[in-house]
Amino acid sequence: MKNLKFNFIVGLFLVIILNVSIYAAGSQLWVSQNVVFNTTNNVKFVLFNQSRTDLDDKKQVVYYVDPTILYKINDQFSFGIAHRIVFTPEYDYYAPHLNLIYTYKVNDNIKISYRNRVYFEVKNKYNVIDRNKLTLKYVYNQFSPFIAGEIYSIYLNNSDLREEFKQYELSVGSSYKITNNSTLVLYYLHKATKNDDDDDEYSRVNVIGTTLNLTIK
């Protein structure tokens, strides 16, 4: 009975955020696949891809592929090197990035993770963006509800060296364990980006997202 109540609460919560996101202004749908290949005990090859569709005009706005080599330093720290390839209707560009991930297990159910990503955005101009993400996850049977926040700061913008807050993202959702090697994630994300012309104004996007995670051993 306890498991049934917990599953019902998580399911109801996900249905609510799904409806809020779909009917909110500036809504997008993000569909992702994440495939992990376990090459050795400490090294993984990860192939992530994501499609972003504007729900107002039903057009794809971004698609990217993110191949990553992830090295497990110990039980708490991992380091990753990735080379993102981004496709948009206007232009394509590259975005290699470095990732340092720290995971702390509070107990058998609660996990806290922090990810620092240094992101090199290479297009008609180039940016060096520092991204910091904090995630709190509660693991219970097949469901793992989570809440996360991420901030973006620009350190180098087309040869102009400066530190500037640019964007933040807040997300909430849950993963569902399908099998030992696959999970399905459903989440709501609110994205706010500072406008270049007005520091006090933000462009806001409401996102409903889904990710299918597969592990190949």
N, C-alpha and C. Protein backbone atom coordinates (compact mmCIF):
# COMPACT_ATOMS: atom_id res chain seq x y z
N MET A 1 0.82 -1.21 0.00
CA MET A 1 0.00 0.00 0.00
C MET A 1 0.86 1.26 0.00
N LYS A 2 1.96 1.23 0.76
CA LYS A 2 2.86 2.38 0.82
C LYS A 2 3.48 2.66 -0.54
N ASN A 3 3.90 1.59 -1.23
CA ASN A 3 4.49 1.74 -2.56
C ASN A 3 3.47 2.29 -3.55
N LEU A 4 2.22 1.81 -3.44
CA LEU A 4 1.17 2.26 -4.34
C LEU A 4 0.89 3.74 -4.16
N LYS A 5 0.84 4.21 -2.92
CA LYS A 5 0.61 5.63 -2.65
C LYS A 5 1.74 6.49 -3.18
N PHE A 6 2.97 6.04 -2.97
CA PHE A 6 4.12 6.81 -3.45
C PHE A 6 4.10 6.90 -4.97
N ASN A 7 3.86 5.78 -5.65
CA ASN A 7 3.81 5.77 -7.11
C ASN A 7 2.68 6.65 -7.65
N PHE A 8 1.53 6.65 -6.95
CA PHE A 8 0.41 7.48 -7.37
C PHE A 8 0.75 8.96 -7.24
N ILE A 9 1.38 9.34 -6.14
CA ILE A 9 1.75 10.74 -5.92
C ILE A 9 2.73 11.21 -6.99
N VAL A 10 3.76 10.41 -7.26
CA VAL A 10 4.75 10.77 -8.29
C VAL A 10 4.08 10.88 -9.65
N GLY A 11 3.21 9.91 -9.98
CA GLY A 11 2.53 9.94 -11.27
C GLY A 11 1.63 11.15 -11.43
N LEU A 12 0.86 11.49 -10.38
CA LEU A 12 -0.01 12.65 -10.41
C LEU A 12 0.79 13.93 -10.57
N PHE A 13 1.90 14.01 -9.86
CA PHE A 13 2.77 15.18 -9.95
C PHE A 13 3.29 15.38 -11.37
N LEU A 14 3.72 14.29 -12.02
CA LEU A 14 4.24 14.39 -13.38
C LEU A 14 3.15 14.80 -14.37
N VAL A 15 1.93 14.32 -14.18
CA VAL A 15 0.82 14.72 -15.05
C VAL A 15 0.54 16.22 -14.90
N ILE A 16 0.61 16.75 -13.69
CA ILE A 16 0.36 18.17 -13.45
C ILE A 16 1.40 19.03 -14.15
N ILE A 17 2.69 18.69 -13.98
CA ILE A 17 3.72 19.52 -14.60
C ILE A 17 3.68 19.38 -16.12
N LEU A 18 3.25 18.24 -16.63
CA LEU A 18 3.11 18.07 -18.07
C LEU A 18 2.07 19.04 -18.62
N ASN A 19 0.92 19.15 -17.97
CA ASN A 19 -0.13 20.04 -18.43
C ASN A 19 0.25 21.51 -18.26
N VAL A 20 0.92 21.84 -17.17
CA VAL A 20 1.35 23.22 -16.97
C VAL A 20 2.30 23.65 -18.07
N SER A 21 3.24 22.79 -18.42
CA SER A 21 4.24 23.12 -19.43
C SER A 21 3.63 23.25 -20.82
N ILE A 22 2.74 22.34 -21.20
CA ILE A 22 2.18 22.34 -22.54
C ILE A 22 1.36 23.60 -22.81
N TYR A 23 0.61 24.06 -21.80
CA TYR A 23 -0.29 25.18 -22.02
C TYR A 23 0.33 26.53 -21.63
N ALA A 24 1.55 26.53 -21.16
CA ALA A 24 2.21 27.78 -20.83
C ALA A 24 2.78 28.43 -22.09
N ALA A 25 2.93 29.76 -22.04
CA ALA A 25 3.49 30.49 -23.18
C ALA A 25 4.97 30.14 -23.34
N GLY A 26 5.42 30.12 -24.60
CA GLY A 26 6.82 29.84 -24.84
C GLY A 26 7.22 28.43 -24.46
N SER A 27 6.39 27.44 -24.81
CA SER A 27 6.63 26.06 -24.40
C SER A 27 7.44 25.30 -25.45
N GLN A 28 8.28 24.38 -24.97
CA GLN A 28 9.05 23.51 -25.84
C GLN A 28 8.97 22.08 -25.34
N LEU A 29 9.20 21.15 -26.26
CA LEU A 29 9.29 19.72 -25.95
C LEU A 29 10.72 19.29 -26.25
N TRP A 30 11.39 18.72 -25.23
CA TRP A 30 12.75 18.21 -25.40
C TRP A 30 12.69 16.68 -25.29
N VAL A 31 13.12 16.01 -26.34
CA VAL A 31 13.14 14.54 -26.38
C VAL A 31 14.59 14.09 -26.51
N SER A 32 15.04 13.25 -25.58
CA SER A 32 16.45 12.87 -25.53
C SER A 32 16.61 11.37 -25.44
N GLN A 33 17.76 10.91 -25.94
CA GLN A 33 18.19 9.52 -25.75
C GLN A 33 19.63 9.55 -25.24
N ASN A 34 19.90 8.72 -24.26
CA ASN A 34 21.22 8.67 -23.65
C ASN A 34 21.67 7.21 -23.57
N VAL A 35 22.70 6.88 -24.36
CA VAL A 35 23.18 5.49 -24.43
C VAL A 35 24.58 5.44 -23.81
N VAL A 36 24.75 4.58 -22.82
CA VAL A 36 26.02 4.44 -22.10
C VAL A 36 26.63 3.09 -22.45
N PHE A 37 27.88 3.13 -22.94
CA PHE A 37 28.62 1.92 -23.24
C PHE A 37 29.71 1.74 -22.18
N ASN A 38 29.63 0.68 -21.40
CA ASN A 38 30.64 0.39 -20.38
C ASN A 38 31.83 -0.28 -21.04
N THR A 39 32.88 0.47 -21.30
CA THR A 39 34.06 -0.09 -21.97
C THR A 39 34.99 -0.79 -20.98
N THR A 40 35.24 -0.15 -19.82
CA THR A 40 36.03 -0.76 -18.73
C THR A 40 35.33 -0.44 -17.42
N ASN A 41 35.95 -0.83 -16.32
CA ASN A 41 35.35 -0.56 -15.01
C ASN A 41 35.25 0.93 -14.72
N ASN A 42 36.20 1.71 -15.23
CA ASN A 42 36.27 3.14 -14.90
C ASN A 42 35.95 4.06 -16.07
N VAL A 43 35.92 3.53 -17.28
CA VAL A 43 35.72 4.37 -18.45
C VAL A 43 34.41 4.00 -19.15
N LYS A 44 33.62 5.05 -19.48
CA LYS A 44 32.38 4.85 -20.21
C LYS A 44 32.36 5.77 -21.43
N PHE A 45 31.75 5.27 -22.50
CA PHE A 45 31.48 6.11 -23.66
C PHE A 45 29.99 6.39 -23.68
N VAL A 46 29.63 7.67 -23.69
CA VAL A 46 28.23 8.08 -23.61
C VAL A 46 27.85 8.81 -24.89
N LEU A 47 26.74 8.40 -25.49
CA LEU A 47 26.23 9.06 -26.69
C LEU A 47 24.85 9.62 -26.37
N PHE A 48 24.80 10.96 -26.28
CA PHE A 48 23.56 11.66 -25.91
C PHE A 48 23.10 12.49 -27.09
N ASN A 49 21.80 12.47 -27.36
CA ASN A 49 21.24 13.35 -28.39
C ASN A 49 19.91 13.91 -27.92
N GLN A 50 19.59 15.10 -28.40
CA GLN A 50 18.37 15.77 -27.95
C GLN A 50 17.76 16.58 -29.10
N SER A 51 16.44 16.50 -29.20
CA SER A 51 15.67 17.30 -30.15
C SER A 51 14.77 18.24 -29.36
N ARG A 52 14.78 19.53 -29.74
CA ARG A 52 13.95 20.53 -29.08
C ARG A 52 12.96 21.10 -30.08
N THR A 53 11.68 21.02 -29.74
CA THR A 53 10.60 21.45 -30.64
C THR A 53 9.77 22.53 -29.97
N ASP A 54 9.53 23.62 -30.69
CA ASP A 54 8.66 24.68 -30.21
C ASP A 54 7.21 24.22 -30.33
N LEU A 55 6.49 24.20 -29.23
CA LEU A 55 5.12 23.70 -29.23
C LEU A 55 4.12 24.70 -29.80
N ASP A 56 4.53 25.98 -29.90
CA ASP A 56 3.64 26.99 -30.45
C ASP A 56 3.51 26.87 -31.97
N ASP A 57 4.66 26.71 -32.67
CA ASP A 57 4.61 26.61 -34.13
C ASP A 57 4.95 25.21 -34.64
N LYS A 58 5.17 24.24 -33.70
CA LYS A 58 5.42 22.83 -34.05
C LYS A 58 6.66 22.66 -34.94
N LYS A 59 7.68 23.45 -34.70
CA LYS A 59 8.92 23.35 -35.48
C LYS A 59 10.10 23.01 -34.58
N GLN A 60 11.00 22.21 -35.12
CA GLN A 60 12.21 21.88 -34.39
C GLN A 60 13.14 23.10 -34.37
N VAL A 61 13.62 23.46 -33.19
CA VAL A 61 14.48 24.64 -33.07
C VAL A 61 15.94 24.26 -32.85
N VAL A 62 16.19 23.09 -32.25
CA VAL A 62 17.56 22.64 -32.00
C VAL A 62 17.60 21.12 -32.03
N TYR A 63 18.68 20.59 -32.60
CA TYR A 63 18.99 19.18 -32.45
C TYR A 63 20.50 19.08 -32.24
N TYR A 64 20.92 18.28 -31.25
CA TYR A 64 22.36 18.14 -31.05
C TYR A 64 22.73 16.72 -30.64
N VAL A 65 23.98 16.39 -30.93
CA VAL A 65 24.57 15.11 -30.57
C VAL A 65 25.77 15.41 -29.67
N ASP A 66 25.89 14.64 -28.59
CA ASP A 66 26.88 14.95 -27.56
C ASP A 66 27.67 13.70 -27.17
N PRO A 67 28.64 13.25 -27.99
CA PRO A 67 29.47 12.10 -27.60
C PRO A 67 30.42 12.48 -26.47
N THR A 68 30.54 11.61 -25.46
CA THR A 68 31.31 11.92 -24.26
C THR A 68 32.12 10.71 -23.82
N ILE A 69 33.34 10.96 -23.38
CA ILE A 69 34.13 9.94 -22.68
C ILE A 69 34.14 10.31 -21.20
N LEU A 70 33.64 9.39 -20.37
CA LEU A 70 33.49 9.65 -18.94
C LEU A 70 34.41 8.72 -18.15
N TYR A 71 35.23 9.32 -17.31
CA TYR A 71 36.18 8.55 -16.50
C TYR A 71 35.80 8.65 -15.03
N LYS A 72 35.61 7.50 -14.38
CA LYS A 72 35.27 7.46 -12.96
C LYS A 72 36.55 7.49 -12.14
N ILE A 73 36.78 8.59 -11.43
CA ILE A 73 37.98 8.75 -10.62
C ILE A 73 37.89 7.89 -9.36
N ASN A 74 36.76 8.01 -8.67
CA ASN A 74 36.47 7.17 -7.50
C ASN A 74 34.96 7.11 -7.34
N ASP A 75 34.47 6.67 -6.18
CA ASP A 75 33.03 6.52 -5.98
C ASP A 75 32.29 7.85 -5.99
N GLN A 76 32.99 8.95 -5.80
CA GLN A 76 32.34 10.26 -5.72
C GLN A 76 32.62 11.17 -6.90
N PHE A 77 33.78 11.06 -7.52
CA PHE A 77 34.16 11.98 -8.58
C PHE A 77 34.26 11.28 -9.94
N SER A 78 33.79 12.01 -10.99
CA SER A 78 33.95 11.57 -12.37
C SER A 78 34.34 12.77 -13.22
N PHE A 79 35.05 12.50 -14.31
CA PHE A 79 35.49 13.55 -15.21
C PHE A 79 35.13 13.17 -16.65
N GLY A 80 34.58 14.13 -17.40
CA GLY A 80 34.15 13.83 -18.75
C GLY A 80 34.64 14.84 -19.77
N ILE A 81 34.92 14.35 -20.98
CA ILE A 81 35.29 15.20 -22.12
C ILE A 81 34.28 14.93 -23.23
N ALA A 82 33.68 16.00 -23.77
CA ALA A 82 32.63 15.84 -24.77
C ALA A 82 32.83 16.81 -25.92
N HIS A 83 32.21 16.49 -27.06
CA HIS A 83 32.26 17.36 -28.23
C HIS A 83 30.86 17.44 -28.82
N ARG A 84 30.12 18.47 -28.46
CA ARG A 84 28.73 18.62 -28.90
C ARG A 84 28.69 19.20 -30.32
N ILE A 85 27.81 18.63 -31.14
CA ILE A 85 27.55 19.14 -32.49
C ILE A 85 26.09 19.59 -32.52
N VAL A 86 25.88 20.88 -32.81
CA VAL A 86 24.55 21.48 -32.69
C VAL A 86 24.03 21.88 -34.07
N PHE A 87 22.78 21.51 -34.35
CA PHE A 87 22.14 21.86 -35.61
C PHE A 87 20.92 22.73 -35.31
N THR A 88 20.84 23.89 -35.96
CA THR A 88 19.69 24.78 -35.83
C THR A 88 19.23 25.17 -37.23
N PRO A 89 18.01 25.71 -37.39
CA PRO A 89 17.55 26.14 -38.72
C PRO A 89 18.43 27.25 -39.33
N GLU A 90 19.07 28.07 -38.48
CA GLU A 90 19.87 29.19 -38.98
C GLU A 90 21.31 28.78 -39.30
N TYR A 91 21.92 27.99 -38.44
CA TYR A 91 23.33 27.61 -38.62
C TYR A 91 23.64 26.43 -37.72
N ASP A 92 24.79 25.80 -38.00
CA ASP A 92 25.30 24.71 -37.17
C ASP A 92 26.57 25.19 -36.48
N TYR A 93 26.87 24.60 -35.31
CA TYR A 93 28.10 24.98 -34.61
C TYR A 93 28.54 23.86 -33.68
N TYR A 94 29.75 24.03 -33.14
CA TYR A 94 30.34 23.04 -32.24
C TYR A 94 30.40 23.60 -30.83
N ALA A 95 30.39 22.69 -29.86
CA ALA A 95 30.45 23.11 -28.46
C ALA A 95 31.14 22.03 -27.63
N PRO A 96 32.47 21.91 -27.73
CA PRO A 96 33.17 20.97 -26.84
C PRO A 96 33.07 21.43 -25.40
N HIS A 97 33.09 20.48 -24.45
CA HIS A 97 32.99 20.87 -23.04
C HIS A 97 33.67 19.85 -22.14
N LEU A 98 34.09 20.34 -20.98
CA LEU A 98 34.70 19.54 -19.93
C LEU A 98 33.75 19.47 -18.75
N ASN A 99 33.68 18.30 -18.09
CA ASN A 99 32.72 18.10 -17.00
C ASN A 99 33.39 17.46 -15.79
N LEU A 100 33.14 18.03 -14.64
CA LEU A 100 33.55 17.44 -13.37
C LEU A 100 32.29 17.19 -12.55
N ILE A 101 32.09 15.93 -12.13
CA ILE A 101 30.85 15.53 -11.45
C ILE A 101 31.19 14.97 -10.08
N TYR A 102 30.49 15.50 -9.07
CA TYR A 102 30.65 15.02 -7.69
C TYR A 102 29.31 14.50 -7.20
N THR A 103 29.31 13.29 -6.65
CA THR A 103 28.08 12.67 -6.15
C THR A 103 28.27 12.28 -4.69
N TYR A 104 27.31 12.72 -3.88
CA TYR A 104 27.35 12.39 -2.44
C TYR A 104 26.08 11.62 -2.07
N LYS A 105 26.27 10.45 -1.50
CA LYS A 105 25.16 9.61 -1.09
C LYS A 105 24.88 9.85 0.38
N VAL A 106 23.77 10.53 0.66
CA VAL A 106 23.40 10.84 2.04
C VAL A 106 23.01 9.56 2.78
N ASN A 107 22.17 8.76 2.14
CA ASN A 107 21.79 7.44 2.66
C ASN A 107 21.36 6.58 1.48
N ASP A 108 20.67 5.48 1.73
CA ASP A 108 20.27 4.58 0.65
C ASP A 108 19.27 5.21 -0.31
N ASN A 109 18.59 6.27 0.13
CA ASN A 109 17.54 6.88 -0.70
C ASN A 109 17.92 8.25 -1.28
N ILE A 110 18.69 9.03 -0.55
CA ILE A 110 18.94 10.42 -0.94
C ILE A 110 20.34 10.57 -1.53
N LYS A 111 20.40 11.19 -2.73
CA LYS A 111 21.67 11.47 -3.39
C LYS A 111 21.72 12.94 -3.80
N ILE A 112 22.89 13.54 -3.62
CA ILE A 112 23.14 14.91 -4.05
C ILE A 112 24.28 14.88 -5.05
N SER A 113 24.10 15.56 -6.18
CA SER A 113 25.17 15.61 -7.17
C SER A 113 25.40 17.04 -7.63
N TYR A 114 26.66 17.35 -7.91
CA TYR A 114 27.05 18.67 -8.41
C TYR A 114 27.87 18.46 -9.68
N ARG A 115 27.53 19.22 -10.71
CA ARG A 115 28.27 19.13 -11.98
C ARG A 115 28.76 20.51 -12.40
N ASN A 116 30.05 20.61 -12.64
CA ASN A 116 30.62 21.82 -13.22
C ASN A 116 30.98 21.52 -14.67
N ARG A 117 30.47 22.33 -15.58
CA ARG A 117 30.72 22.14 -17.01
C ARG A 117 31.31 23.43 -17.59
N VAL A 118 32.50 23.32 -18.18
CA VAL A 118 33.10 24.44 -18.91
C VAL A 118 32.83 24.19 -20.39
N TYR A 119 32.07 25.11 -20.97
CA TYR A 119 31.43 24.90 -22.27
C TYR A 119 32.00 25.90 -23.27
N PHE A 120 32.62 25.40 -24.34
CA PHE A 120 33.23 26.26 -25.35
C PHE A 120 32.30 26.30 -26.57
N GLU A 121 31.62 27.42 -26.74
CA GLU A 121 30.63 27.56 -27.81
C GLU A 121 31.30 28.23 -29.02
N VAL A 122 31.43 27.48 -30.11
CA VAL A 122 32.17 27.97 -31.28
C VAL A 122 31.20 28.12 -32.45
N LYS A 123 30.90 29.40 -32.81
CA LYS A 123 30.08 29.69 -33.98
C LYS A 123 30.59 30.98 -34.61
N ASN A 124 29.71 31.88 -35.05
CA ASN A 124 30.22 33.10 -35.67
C ASN A 124 31.00 33.96 -34.67
N LYS A 125 30.69 33.82 -33.41
CA LYS A 125 31.54 34.31 -32.33
C LYS A 125 31.71 33.18 -31.35
N TYR A 126 32.59 33.31 -30.40
CA TYR A 126 32.79 32.20 -29.46
C TYR A 126 32.61 32.68 -28.03
N ASN A 127 32.07 31.78 -27.23
CA ASN A 127 31.83 32.03 -25.82
C ASN A 127 32.46 30.91 -25.00
N VAL A 128 32.96 31.26 -23.84
CA VAL A 128 33.33 30.27 -22.84
C VAL A 128 32.34 30.41 -21.70
N ILE A 129 31.56 29.37 -21.47
CA ILE A 129 30.46 29.43 -20.51
C ILE A 129 30.71 28.45 -19.38
N ASP A 130 30.59 28.93 -18.17
CA ASP A 130 30.73 28.08 -16.98
C ASP A 130 29.35 27.73 -16.47
N ARG A 131 29.05 26.44 -16.42
CA ARG A 131 27.75 25.98 -15.99
C ARG A 131 27.88 25.17 -14.70
N ASN A 132 27.02 25.47 -13.73
CA ASN A 132 27.06 24.79 -12.44
C ASN A 132 25.66 24.27 -12.12
N LYS A 133 25.56 22.95 -11.92
CA LYS A 133 24.26 22.31 -11.71
C LYS A 133 24.27 21.50 -10.42
N LEU A 134 23.22 21.69 -9.63
CA LEU A 134 23.04 20.96 -8.38
C LEU A 134 21.74 20.17 -8.45
N THR A 135 21.81 18.87 -8.11
CA THR A 135 20.64 17.99 -8.21
C THR A 135 20.44 17.24 -6.91
N LEU A 136 19.20 17.20 -6.45
CA LEU A 136 18.81 16.41 -5.28
C LEU A 136 17.85 15.34 -5.74
N LYS A 137 18.18 14.07 -5.44
CA LYS A 137 17.38 12.94 -5.92
C LYS A 137 17.00 12.03 -4.75
N TYR A 138 15.76 11.56 -4.81
CA TYR A 138 15.28 10.60 -3.81
C TYR A 138 14.96 9.29 -4.53
N VAL A 139 15.67 8.23 -4.20
CA VAL A 139 15.50 6.93 -4.86
C VAL A 139 14.56 6.06 -4.02
N TYR A 140 13.47 5.63 -4.65
CA TYR A 140 12.51 4.79 -3.94
C TYR A 140 11.93 3.77 -4.92
N ASN A 141 12.34 2.52 -4.77
CA ASN A 141 11.91 1.45 -5.66
C ASN A 141 12.22 1.82 -7.11
N GLN A 142 11.23 1.82 -7.98
CA GLN A 142 11.48 2.09 -9.41
C GLN A 142 11.49 3.59 -9.72
N PHE A 143 10.94 4.41 -8.84
CA PHE A 143 10.88 5.84 -9.08
C PHE A 143 12.03 6.57 -8.38
N SER A 144 12.50 7.64 -9.02
CA SER A 144 13.53 8.50 -8.42
C SER A 144 13.19 9.96 -8.70
N PRO A 145 12.32 10.57 -7.89
CA PRO A 145 12.01 11.99 -8.08
C PRO A 145 13.25 12.85 -7.83
N PHE A 146 13.32 14.00 -8.50
CA PHE A 146 14.47 14.88 -8.34
C PHE A 146 14.07 16.33 -8.55
N ILE A 147 14.92 17.22 -8.04
CA ILE A 147 14.83 18.64 -8.29
C ILE A 147 16.23 19.14 -8.58
N ALA A 148 16.37 20.06 -9.54
CA ALA A 148 17.70 20.50 -9.95
C ALA A 148 17.68 21.97 -10.34
N GLY A 149 18.83 22.61 -10.20
CA GLY A 149 19.01 23.99 -10.63
C GLY A 149 20.37 24.15 -11.27
N GLU A 150 20.43 24.98 -12.32
CA GLU A 150 21.69 25.21 -13.02
C GLU A 150 21.81 26.67 -13.39
N ILE A 151 23.01 27.25 -13.20
CA ILE A 151 23.27 28.62 -13.60
C ILE A 151 24.38 28.65 -14.64
N TYR A 152 24.28 29.61 -15.57
CA TYR A 152 25.24 29.79 -16.65
C TYR A 152 25.91 31.16 -16.47
N SER A 153 27.24 31.19 -16.56
CA SER A 153 27.98 32.45 -16.53
C SER A 153 28.95 32.49 -17.69
N ILE A 154 29.00 33.62 -18.40
CA ILE A 154 29.94 33.79 -19.51
C ILE A 154 31.23 34.41 -18.99
N TYR A 155 32.35 33.75 -19.29
CA TYR A 155 33.66 34.28 -18.88
C TYR A 155 34.41 34.89 -20.05
N LEU A 156 34.15 34.42 -21.25
CA LEU A 156 34.82 34.97 -22.42
C LEU A 156 33.81 35.05 -23.55
N ASN A 157 33.60 36.27 -24.06
CA ASN A 157 32.61 36.49 -25.10
C ASN A 157 33.26 37.21 -26.27
N ASN A 158 33.65 36.43 -27.31
CA ASN A 158 34.22 37.00 -28.52
C ASN A 158 35.41 37.92 -28.20
N SER A 159 36.36 37.38 -27.44
CA SER A 159 37.60 38.07 -27.04
C SER A 159 37.39 39.09 -25.93
N ASP A 160 36.17 39.28 -25.49
CA ASP A 160 35.90 40.22 -24.41
C ASP A 160 35.88 39.43 -23.09
N LEU A 161 36.93 39.57 -22.29
CA LEU A 161 37.05 38.80 -21.06
C LEU A 161 36.23 39.45 -19.96
N ARG A 162 35.26 38.73 -19.44
CA ARG A 162 34.43 39.26 -18.36
C ARG A 162 33.64 38.11 -17.74
N GLU A 163 33.14 38.35 -16.56
CA GLU A 163 32.24 37.38 -15.92
C GLU A 163 30.85 37.98 -15.88
N GLU A 164 29.90 37.27 -16.44
CA GLU A 164 28.55 37.80 -16.55
C GLU A 164 27.53 36.68 -16.40
N PHE A 165 26.60 36.86 -15.49
CA PHE A 165 25.51 35.89 -15.34
C PHE A 165 24.62 35.94 -16.58
N LYS A 166 24.33 34.79 -17.15
CA LYS A 166 23.60 34.76 -18.42
C LYS A 166 22.26 34.05 -18.36
N GLN A 167 22.17 32.95 -17.62
CA GLN A 167 20.98 32.11 -17.73
C GLN A 167 20.85 31.21 -16.51
N TYR A 168 19.60 30.84 -16.19
CA TYR A 168 19.41 29.81 -15.17
C TYR A 168 18.30 28.86 -15.60
N GLU A 169 18.37 27.64 -15.07
CA GLU A 169 17.36 26.62 -15.34
C GLU A 169 16.96 25.95 -14.04
N LEU A 170 15.66 25.75 -13.86
CA LEU A 170 15.13 25.01 -12.72
C LEU A 170 14.30 23.85 -13.25
N SER A 171 14.52 22.67 -12.71
CA SER A 171 13.80 21.50 -13.21
C SER A 171 13.35 20.60 -12.08
N VAL A 172 12.26 19.88 -12.34
CA VAL A 172 11.72 18.93 -11.38
C VAL A 172 11.09 17.79 -12.17
N GLY A 173 11.25 16.57 -11.69
CA GLY A 173 10.70 15.44 -12.41
C GLY A 173 11.01 14.14 -11.70
N SER A 174 10.99 13.06 -12.47
CA SER A 174 11.26 11.75 -11.89
C SER A 174 11.73 10.80 -12.99
N SER A 175 12.60 9.88 -12.60
CA SER A 175 12.97 8.78 -13.49
C SER A 175 12.22 7.52 -13.05
N TYR A 176 12.01 6.63 -14.02
CA TYR A 176 11.33 5.37 -13.75
C TYR A 176 12.20 4.24 -14.29
N LYS A 177 12.54 3.30 -13.44
CA LYS A 177 13.39 2.18 -13.82
C LYS A 177 12.56 1.13 -14.55
N ILE A 178 12.83 0.97 -15.84
CA ILE A 178 12.10 -0.01 -16.65
C ILE A 178 12.71 -1.40 -16.46
N THR A 179 14.02 -1.47 -16.69
CA THR A 179 14.78 -2.71 -16.45
C THR A 179 16.08 -2.31 -15.75
N ASN A 180 16.94 -3.28 -15.51
CA ASN A 180 18.24 -2.97 -14.89
C ASN A 180 19.12 -2.12 -15.79
N ASN A 181 18.83 -2.11 -17.10
CA ASN A 181 19.67 -1.37 -18.05
C ASN A 181 18.94 -0.23 -18.75
N SER A 182 17.76 0.13 -18.27
CA SER A 182 17.02 1.21 -18.94
C SER A 182 16.15 1.96 -17.94
N THR A 183 16.09 3.27 -18.12
CA THR A 183 15.21 4.13 -17.33
C THR A 183 14.57 5.16 -18.24
N LEU A 184 13.42 5.64 -17.83
CA LEU A 184 12.70 6.69 -18.55
C LEU A 184 12.53 7.88 -17.60
N VAL A 185 12.89 9.08 -18.08
CA VAL A 185 12.83 10.28 -17.26
C VAL A 185 11.80 11.24 -17.86
N LEU A 186 10.95 11.80 -17.01
CA LEU A 186 10.00 12.84 -17.40
C LEU A 186 10.19 14.02 -16.46
N TYR A 187 10.29 15.22 -17.02
CA TYR A 187 10.58 16.38 -16.18
C TYR A 187 9.99 17.66 -16.75
N TYR A 188 9.84 18.65 -15.88
CA TYR A 188 9.49 20.01 -16.27
C TYR A 188 10.69 20.90 -15.99
N LEU A 189 11.00 21.80 -16.92
CA LEU A 189 12.15 22.70 -16.76
C LEU A 189 11.73 24.12 -17.13
N HIS A 190 12.13 25.07 -16.30
CA HIS A 190 11.92 26.48 -16.60
C HIS A 190 13.27 27.11 -16.91
N LYS A 191 13.39 27.70 -18.09
CA LYS A 191 14.64 28.28 -18.57
C LYS A 191 14.47 29.79 -18.73
N ALA A 192 15.38 30.55 -18.13
CA ALA A 192 15.34 32.01 -18.21
C ALA A 192 16.69 32.52 -18.67
N THR A 193 16.70 33.25 -19.81
CA THR A 193 17.94 33.76 -20.40
C THR A 193 17.89 35.28 -20.43
N LYS A 194 18.95 35.91 -19.94
CA LYS A 194 19.01 37.36 -19.91
C LYS A 194 19.11 37.92 -21.32
N ASN A 195 18.27 38.92 -21.62
CA ASN A 195 18.29 39.54 -22.93
C ASN A 195 19.54 40.42 -23.09
N ASP A 196 20.12 40.39 -24.28
CA ASP A 196 21.33 41.18 -24.52
C ASP A 196 21.06 42.68 -24.46
N ASP A 197 19.86 43.09 -24.88
CA ASP A 197 19.54 44.53 -24.96
C ASP A 197 19.10 45.12 -23.63
N ASP A 198 18.66 44.26 -22.71
CA ASP A 198 18.13 44.76 -21.44
C ASP A 198 18.49 43.77 -20.34
N ASP A 199 19.37 44.19 -19.42
CA ASP A 199 19.83 43.29 -18.36
C ASP A 199 18.73 42.91 -17.38
N ASP A 200 17.65 43.70 -17.35
CA ASP A 200 16.57 43.42 -16.40
C ASP A 200 15.49 42.52 -16.99
N GLU A 201 15.58 42.21 -18.28
CA GLU A 201 14.57 41.39 -18.95
C GLU A 201 15.12 40.00 -19.27
N TYR A 202 14.24 39.01 -19.14
CA TYR A 202 14.62 37.62 -19.42
C TYR A 202 13.66 37.03 -20.46
N SER A 203 14.23 36.23 -21.36
CA SER A 203 13.41 35.40 -22.24
C SER A 203 13.18 34.08 -21.53
N ARG A 204 11.92 33.69 -21.41
CA ARG A 204 11.59 32.52 -20.60
C ARG A 204 10.97 31.42 -21.47
N VAL A 205 11.34 30.19 -21.17
CA VAL A 205 10.83 29.03 -21.89
C VAL A 205 10.40 27.98 -20.87
N ASN A 206 9.21 27.43 -21.05
CA ASN A 206 8.73 26.31 -20.24
C ASN A 206 8.87 25.02 -21.04
N VAL A 207 9.52 24.04 -20.44
CA VAL A 207 9.90 22.83 -21.16
C VAL A 207 9.29 21.60 -20.49
N ILE A 208 8.74 20.72 -21.31
CA ILE A 208 8.45 19.37 -20.85
C ILE A 208 9.46 18.47 -21.55
N GLY A 209 10.16 17.67 -20.78
CA GLY A 209 11.24 16.88 -21.34
C GLY A 209 11.12 15.41 -21.00
N THR A 210 11.66 14.58 -21.86
CA THR A 210 11.71 13.15 -21.62
C THR A 210 13.05 12.61 -22.11
N THR A 211 13.62 11.69 -21.35
CA THR A 211 14.90 11.09 -21.69
C THR A 211 14.82 9.59 -21.49
N LEU A 212 15.27 8.85 -22.49
CA LEU A 212 15.39 7.41 -22.37
C LEU A 212 16.86 7.07 -22.18
N ASN A 213 17.17 6.46 -21.03
CA ASN A 213 18.55 6.07 -20.72
C ASN A 213 18.72 4.58 -20.94
N LEU A 214 19.75 4.22 -21.71
CA LEU A 214 20.07 2.81 -21.97
C LEU A 214 21.52 2.55 -21.62
N THR A 215 21.79 1.42 -20.99
CA THR A 215 23.16 1.01 -20.66
C THR A 215 23.47 -0.28 -21.38
N ILE A 216 24.58 -0.27 -22.11
CA ILE A 216 25.03 -1.45 -22.84
C ILE A 216 26.32 -1.94 -22.22
N LYS A 217 26.30 -3.14 -21.69
CA LYS A 217 27.47 -3.68 -21.00
C LYS A 217 28.24 -4.62 -21.90
